[in-house]
PDB file of N, CA and C in Angstrom:
ATOM      1  N   MET A   1      40.592 -10.677  -5.582  1.00  0.00           N
ATOM      2  CA  MET A   1      39.454 -10.263  -4.777  1.00  0.00           C
ATOM      3  C   MET A   1      38.738  -9.079  -5.445  1.00  0.00           C
ATOM      4  N   GLN A   2      39.499  -8.164  -5.972  1.00  0.00           N
ATOM      5  CA  GLN A   2      38.916  -7.017  -6.650  1.00  0.00           C
ATOM      6  C   GLN A   2      38.083  -7.456  -7.849  1.00  0.00           C
ATOM      7  N   TYR A   3      38.526  -8.492  -8.526  1.00  0.00           N
ATOM      8  CA  TYR A   3      37.818  -9.011  -9.689  1.00  0.00           C
ATOM      9  C   TYR A   3      36.435  -9.540  -9.302  1.00  0.00           C
ATOM     10  N   ILE A   4      36.354 -10.211  -8.161  1.00  0.00           N
ATOM     11  CA  ILE A   4      35.067 -10.760  -7.693  1.00  0.00           C
ATOM     12  C   ILE A   4      34.082  -9.618  -7.420  1.00  0.00           C
ATOM     13  N   PHE A   5      34.566  -8.554  -6.770  1.00  0.00           N
ATOM     14  CA  PHE A   5      33.685  -7.420  -6.482  1.00  0.00           C
ATOM     15  C   PHE A   5      33.212  -6.724  -7.745  1.00  0.00           C
ATOM     16  N   SER A   6      34.070  -6.607  -8.717  1.00  0.00           N
ATOM     17  CA  SER A   6      33.648  -5.962  -9.965  1.00  0.00           C
ATOM     18  C   SER A   6      32.644  -6.818 -10.716  1.00  0.00           C
ATOM     19  N   VAL A   7      32.802  -8.141 -10.671  1.00  0.00           N
ATOM     20  CA  VAL A   7      31.831  -9.029 -11.314  1.00  0.00           C
ATOM     21  C   VAL A   7      30.494  -8.945 -10.596  1.00  0.00           C
ATOM     22  N   LEU A   8      30.516  -8.972  -9.274  1.00  0.00           N
ATOM     23  CA  LEU A   8      29.267  -8.860  -8.505  1.00  0.00           C
ATOM     24  C   LEU A   8      28.593  -7.516  -8.732  1.00  0.00           C
ATOM     25  N   ASP A   9      29.375  -6.460  -8.768  1.00  0.00           N
ATOM     26  CA  ASP A   9      28.819  -5.129  -9.008  1.00  0.00           C
ATOM     27  C   ASP A   9      28.188  -5.039 -10.391  1.00  0.00           C
ATOM     28  N   SER A  10      28.833  -5.597 -11.371  1.00  0.00           N
ATOM     29  CA  SER A  10      28.294  -5.592 -12.724  1.00  0.00           C
ATOM     30  C   SER A  10      27.004  -6.392 -12.801  1.00  0.00           C
ATOM     31  N   TYR A  11      26.985  -7.535 -12.146  1.00  0.00           N
ATOM     32  CA  TYR A  11      25.787  -8.391 -12.154  1.00  0.00           C
ATOM     33  C   TYR A  11      24.623  -7.693 -11.454  1.00  0.00           C
ATOM     34  N   GLN A  12      24.897  -7.048 -10.321  1.00  0.00           N
ATOM     35  CA  GLN A  12      23.850  -6.342  -9.594  1.00  0.00           C
ATOM     36  C   GLN A  12      23.308  -5.179 -10.432  1.00  0.00           C
ATOM     37  N   PHE A  13      24.172  -4.451 -11.116  1.00  0.00           N
ATOM     38  CA  PHE A  13      23.737  -3.340 -11.949  1.00  0.00           C
ATOM     39  C   PHE A  13      22.832  -3.830 -13.071  1.00  0.00           C
ATOM     40  N   GLN A  14      23.158  -4.973 -13.670  1.00  0.00           N
ATOM     41  CA  GLN A  14      22.332  -5.522 -14.740  1.00  0.00           C
ATOM     42  C   GLN A  14      20.969  -5.943 -14.208  1.00  0.00           C
ATOM     43  N   MET A  15      20.935  -6.521 -13.006  1.00  0.00           N
ATOM     44  CA  MET A  15      19.655  -6.930 -12.418  1.00  0.00           C
ATOM     45  C   MET A  15      18.789  -5.707 -12.120  1.00  0.00           C
ATOM     46  N   GLU A  16      19.395  -4.654 -11.569  1.00  0.00           N
ATOM     47  CA  GLU A  16      18.631  -3.461 -11.220  1.00  0.00           C
ATOM     48  C   GLU A  16      18.104  -2.751 -12.455  1.00  0.00           C
ATOM     49  N   SER A  17      18.838  -2.763 -13.539  1.00  0.00           N
ATOM     50  CA  SER A  17      18.388  -2.059 -14.736  1.00  0.00           C
ATOM     51  C   SER A  17      17.251  -2.803 -15.431  1.00  0.00           C
ATOM     52  N   ARG A  18      17.126  -4.105 -15.211  1.00  0.00           N
ATOM     53  CA  ARG A  18      16.045  -4.875 -15.837  1.00  0.00           C
ATOM     54  C   ARG A  18      14.801  -4.961 -14.965  1.00  0.00           C
ATOM     55  N   TYR A  19      14.895  -4.522 -13.726  1.00  0.00           N
ATOM     56  CA  TYR A  19      13.774  -4.659 -12.798  1.00  0.00           C
ATOM     57  C   TYR A  19      12.672  -3.665 -13.145  1.00  0.00           C
ATOM     58  N   GLN A  20      11.471  -4.165 -13.306  1.00  0.00           N
ATOM     59  CA  GLN A  20      10.298  -3.332 -13.552  1.00  0.00           C
ATOM     60  C   GLN A  20       9.233  -3.692 -12.521  1.00  0.00           C
ATOM     61  N   GLU A  21       8.825  -2.726 -11.719  1.00  0.00           N
ATOM     62  CA  GLU A  21       7.811  -3.001 -10.711  1.00  0.00           C
ATOM     63  C   GLU A  21       6.444  -3.002 -11.377  1.00  0.00           C
ATOM     64  N   LYS A  22       5.696  -4.040 -11.117  1.00  0.00           N
ATOM     65  CA  LYS A  22       4.344  -4.135 -11.647  1.00  0.00           C
ATOM     66  C   LYS A  22       3.386  -4.267 -10.461  1.00  0.00           C
ATOM     67  N   SER A  23       3.005  -3.153  -9.911  1.00  0.00           N
ATOM     68  CA  SER A  23       2.117  -3.136  -8.766  1.00  0.00           C
ATOM     69  C   SER A  23       0.728  -2.746  -9.235  1.00  0.00           C
ATOM     70  N   SER A  24      -0.237  -3.583  -8.940  1.00  0.00           N
ATOM     71  CA  SER A  24      -1.595  -3.269  -9.367  1.00  0.00           C
ATOM     72  C   SER A  24      -2.155  -2.083  -8.585  1.00  0.00           C
ATOM     73  N   LEU A  25      -1.712  -1.911  -7.339  1.00  0.00           N
ATOM     74  CA  LEU A  25      -2.192  -0.773  -6.557  1.00  0.00           C
ATOM     75  C   LEU A  25      -1.652   0.538  -7.122  1.00  0.00           C
ATOM     76  N   THR A  26      -0.390   0.553  -7.482  1.00  0.00           N
ATOM     77  CA  THR A  26       0.180   1.752  -8.092  1.00  0.00           C
ATOM     78  C   THR A  26      -0.483   2.037  -9.430  1.00  0.00           C
ATOM     79  N   ASN A  27      -0.716   1.007 -10.227  1.00  0.00           N
ATOM     80  CA  ASN A  27      -1.392   1.186 -11.508  1.00  0.00           C
ATOM     81  C   ASN A  27      -2.805   1.708 -11.318  1.00  0.00           C
ATOM     82  N   LEU A  28      -3.451   1.292 -10.239  1.00  0.00           N
ATOM     83  CA  LEU A  28      -4.815   1.747  -9.979  1.00  0.00           C
ATOM     84  C   LEU A  28      -4.864   3.253  -9.767  1.00  0.00           C
ATOM     85  N   PHE A  29      -3.858   3.803  -9.088  1.00  0.00           N
ATOM     86  CA  PHE A  29      -3.842   5.240  -8.833  1.00  0.00           C
ATOM     87  C   PHE A  29      -3.317   6.037 -10.015  1.00  0.00           C
ATOM     88  N   THR A  30      -2.513   5.436 -10.879  1.00  0.00           N
ATOM     89  CA  THR A  30      -1.961   6.198 -11.994  1.00  0.00           C
ATOM     90  C   THR A  30      -2.795   6.079 -13.255  1.00  0.00           C
ATOM     91  N   GLU A  31      -3.383   4.913 -13.489  1.00  0.00           N
ATOM     92  CA  GLU A  31      -4.135   4.712 -14.722  1.00  0.00           C
ATOM     93  C   GLU A  31      -5.618   5.028 -14.567  1.00  0.00           C
ATOM     94  N   ASP A  32      -6.222   4.603 -13.455  1.00  0.00           N
ATOM     95  CA  ASP A  32      -7.648   4.837 -13.251  1.00  0.00           C
ATOM     96  C   ASP A  32      -7.820   5.524 -11.902  1.00  0.00           C
ATOM     97  N   LYS A  33      -7.627   6.832 -11.887  1.00  0.00           N
ATOM     98  CA  LYS A  33      -7.566   7.571 -10.638  1.00  0.00           C
ATOM     99  C   LYS A  33      -8.886   7.572  -9.886  1.00  0.00           C
ATOM    100  N   PHE A  34     -10.004   7.630 -10.584  1.00  0.00           N
ATOM    101  CA  PHE A  34     -11.294   7.695  -9.901  1.00  0.00           C
ATOM    102  C   PHE A  34     -11.551   6.438  -9.081  1.00  0.00           C
ATOM    103  N   ILE A  35     -11.330   5.276  -9.672  1.00  0.00           N
ATOM    104  CA  ILE A  35     -11.565   4.013  -8.952  1.00  0.00           C
ATOM    105  C   ILE A  35     -10.588   3.884  -7.788  1.00  0.00           C
ATOM    106  N   GLY A  36      -9.341   4.274  -7.979  1.00  0.00           N
ATOM    107  CA  GLY A  36      -8.347   4.195  -6.909  1.00  0.00           C
ATOM    108  C   GLY A  36      -8.714   5.056  -5.717  1.00  0.00           C
ATOM    109  N   TRP A  37      -9.053   6.307  -5.976  1.00  0.00           N
ATOM    110  CA  TRP A  37      -9.409   7.201  -4.870  1.00  0.00           C
ATOM    111  C   TRP A  37     -10.742   6.815  -4.248  1.00  0.00           C
ATOM    112  N   LEU A  38     -11.686   6.334  -5.057  1.00  0.00           N
ATOM    113  CA  LEU A  38     -12.966   5.881  -4.511  1.00  0.00           C
ATOM    114  C   LEU A  38     -12.743   4.702  -3.564  1.00  0.00           C
ATOM    115  N   GLY A  39     -11.915   3.763  -3.958  1.00  0.00           N
ATOM    116  CA  GLY A  39     -11.617   2.620  -3.091  1.00  0.00           C
ATOM    117  C   GLY A  39     -10.928   3.056  -1.811  1.00  0.00           C
ATOM    118  N   LEU A  40     -10.010   4.002  -1.914  1.00  0.00           N
ATOM    119  CA  LEU A  40      -9.318   4.485  -0.724  1.00  0.00           C
ATOM    120  C   LEU A  40     -10.284   5.179   0.237  1.00  0.00           C
ATOM    121  N   PHE A  41     -11.179   5.991  -0.283  1.00  0.00           N
ATOM    122  CA  PHE A  41     -12.163   6.661   0.576  1.00  0.00           C
ATOM    123  C   PHE A  41     -13.144   5.672   1.185  1.00  0.00           C
ATOM    124  N   ILE A  42     -13.539   4.644   0.445  1.00  0.00           N
ATOM    125  CA  ILE A  42     -14.447   3.630   0.995  1.00  0.00           C
ATOM    126  C   ILE A  42     -13.791   2.913   2.166  1.00  0.00           C
ATOM    127  N   VAL A  43     -12.519   2.551   2.012  1.00  0.00           N
ATOM    128  CA  VAL A  43     -11.811   1.881   3.109  1.00  0.00           C
ATOM    129  C   VAL A  43     -11.693   2.818   4.309  1.00  0.00           C
ATOM    130  N   PHE A  44     -11.324   4.061   4.068  1.00  0.00           N
ATOM    131  CA  PHE A  44     -11.156   5.017   5.164  1.00  0.00           C
ATOM    132  C   PHE A  44     -12.469   5.240   5.914  1.00  0.00           C
ATOM    133  N   PHE A  45     -13.551   5.498   5.193  1.00  0.00           N
ATOM    134  CA  PHE A  45     -14.822   5.768   5.861  1.00  0.00           C
ATOM    135  C   PHE A  45     -15.415   4.523   6.499  1.00  0.00           C
ATOM    136  N   SER A  46     -15.121   3.353   5.971  1.00  0.00           N
ATOM    137  CA  SER A  46     -15.580   2.117   6.611  1.00  0.00           C
ATOM    138  C   SER A  46     -14.902   1.929   7.962  1.00  0.00           C
ATOM    139  N   ILE A  47     -13.601   2.141   8.000  1.00  0.00           N
ATOM    140  CA  ILE A  47     -12.884   2.026   9.275  1.00  0.00           C
ATOM    141  C   ILE A  47     -13.370   3.089  10.252  1.00  0.00           C
ATOM    142  N   PHE A  48     -13.594   4.297   9.769  1.00  0.00           N
ATOM    143  CA  PHE A  48     -14.093   5.377  10.614  1.00  0.00           C
ATOM    144  C   PHE A  48     -15.473   5.030  11.184  1.00  0.00           C
ATOM    145  N   ALA A  49     -16.362   4.485  10.348  1.00  0.00           N
ATOM    146  CA  ALA A  49     -17.708   4.123  10.800  1.00  0.00           C
ATOM    147  C   ALA A  49     -17.664   2.999  11.838  1.00  0.00           C
ATOM    148  N   ILE A  50     -16.799   2.030  11.630  1.00  0.00           N
ATOM    149  CA  ILE A  50     -16.680   0.939  12.601  1.00  0.00           C
ATOM    150  C   ILE A  50     -16.222   1.472  13.943  1.00  0.00           C
ATOM    151  N   ILE A  51     -15.261   2.370  13.937  1.00  0.00           N
ATOM    152  CA  ILE A  51     -14.765   2.945  15.196  1.00  0.00           C
ATOM    153  C   ILE A  51     -15.862   3.748  15.884  1.00  0.00           C
ATOM    154  N   ILE A  52     -16.604   4.552  15.147  1.00  0.00           N
ATOM    155  CA  ILE A  52     -17.678   5.363  15.741  1.00  0.00           C
ATOM    156  C   ILE A  52     -18.771   4.486  16.334  1.00  0.00           C
ATOM    157  N   PHE A  53     -19.226   3.480  15.571  1.00  0.00           N
ATOM    158  CA  PHE A  53     -20.292   2.621  16.089  1.00  0.00           C
ATOM    159  C   PHE A  53     -19.824   1.798  17.280  1.00  0.00           C
ATOM    160  N   GLN A  54     -18.576   1.368  17.291  1.00  0.00           N
ATOM    161  CA  GLN A  54     -18.055   0.636  18.448  1.00  0.00           C
ATOM    162  C   GLN A  54     -17.995   1.540  19.668  1.00  0.00           C
ATOM    163  N   TYR A  55     -17.574   2.778  19.478  1.00  0.00           N
ATOM    164  CA  TYR A  55     -17.527   3.728  20.586  1.00  0.00           C
ATOM    165  C   TYR A  55     -18.936   3.982  21.142  1.00  0.00           C
ATOM    166  N   LEU A  56     -19.905   4.160  20.257  1.00  0.00           N
ATOM    167  CA  LEU A  56     -21.278   4.375  20.719  1.00  0.00           C
ATOM    168  C   LEU A  56     -21.819   3.161  21.455  1.00  0.00           C
ATOM    169  N   GLU A  57     -21.453   1.965  21.016  1.00  0.00           N
ATOM    170  CA  GLU A  57     -21.877   0.745  21.708  1.00  0.00           C
ATOM    171  C   GLU A  57     -21.280   0.676  23.115  1.00  0.00           C
ATOM    172  N   TRP A  58     -20.011   1.026  23.231  1.00  0.00           N
ATOM    173  CA  TRP A  58     -19.367   1.023  24.554  1.00  0.00           C
ATOM    174  C   TRP A  58     -20.003   2.059  25.473  1.00  0.00           C
ATOM    175  N   GLU A  59     -20.345   3.212  24.946  1.00  0.00           N
ATOM    176  CA  GLU A  59     -20.974   4.264  25.755  1.00  0.00           C
ATOM    177  C   GLU A  59     -22.355   3.844  26.218  1.00  0.00           C
ATOM    178  N   SER A  60     -23.111   3.174  25.362  1.00  0.00           N
ATOM    179  CA  SER A  60     -24.449   2.748  25.765  1.00  0.00           C
ATOM    180  C   SER A  60     -24.397   1.670  26.839  1.00  0.00           C
ATOM    181  N   LYS A  61     -23.370   0.822  26.791  1.00  0.00           N
ATOM    182  CA  LYS A  61     -23.219  -0.202  27.843  1.00  0.00           C
ATOM    183  C   LYS A  61     -22.800   0.437  29.171  1.00  0.00           C
ATOM    184  N   ASP A  62     -22.010   1.497  29.104  1.00  0.00           N
ATOM    185  CA  ASP A  62     -21.587   2.173  30.336  1.00  0.00           C
ATOM    186  C   ASP A  62     -22.753   2.882  30.994  1.00  0.00           C
ATOM    187  N   LYS A  63     -23.740   3.367  30.240  1.00  0.00           N
ATOM    188  CA  LYS A  63     -24.878   4.079  30.810  1.00  0.00           C
ATOM    189  C   LYS A  63     -25.857   3.136  31.490  1.00  0.00           C
ATOM    190  N   LYS A  64     -25.856   1.878  31.087  1.00  0.00           N
ATOM    191  CA  LYS A  64     -26.794   0.895  31.675  1.00  0.00           C
ATOM    192  C   LYS A  64     -26.353   0.437  33.004  1.00  0.00           C
TER     193      LYS A  64
END
């Protein structure tokens, strides 16, 4: 039984040492910081604008 665990542990260690994460989002922030932060701010302000305009629409309907 001990032999099976040592084989599994060795196999898992080999898999973990070969694993390389290739995330395009992470690369966007590390390699091209301006485009990454610009995209993040565009998403943030777009969501903020949608919430503000929806709130104003609800308020105008309540006044009528």
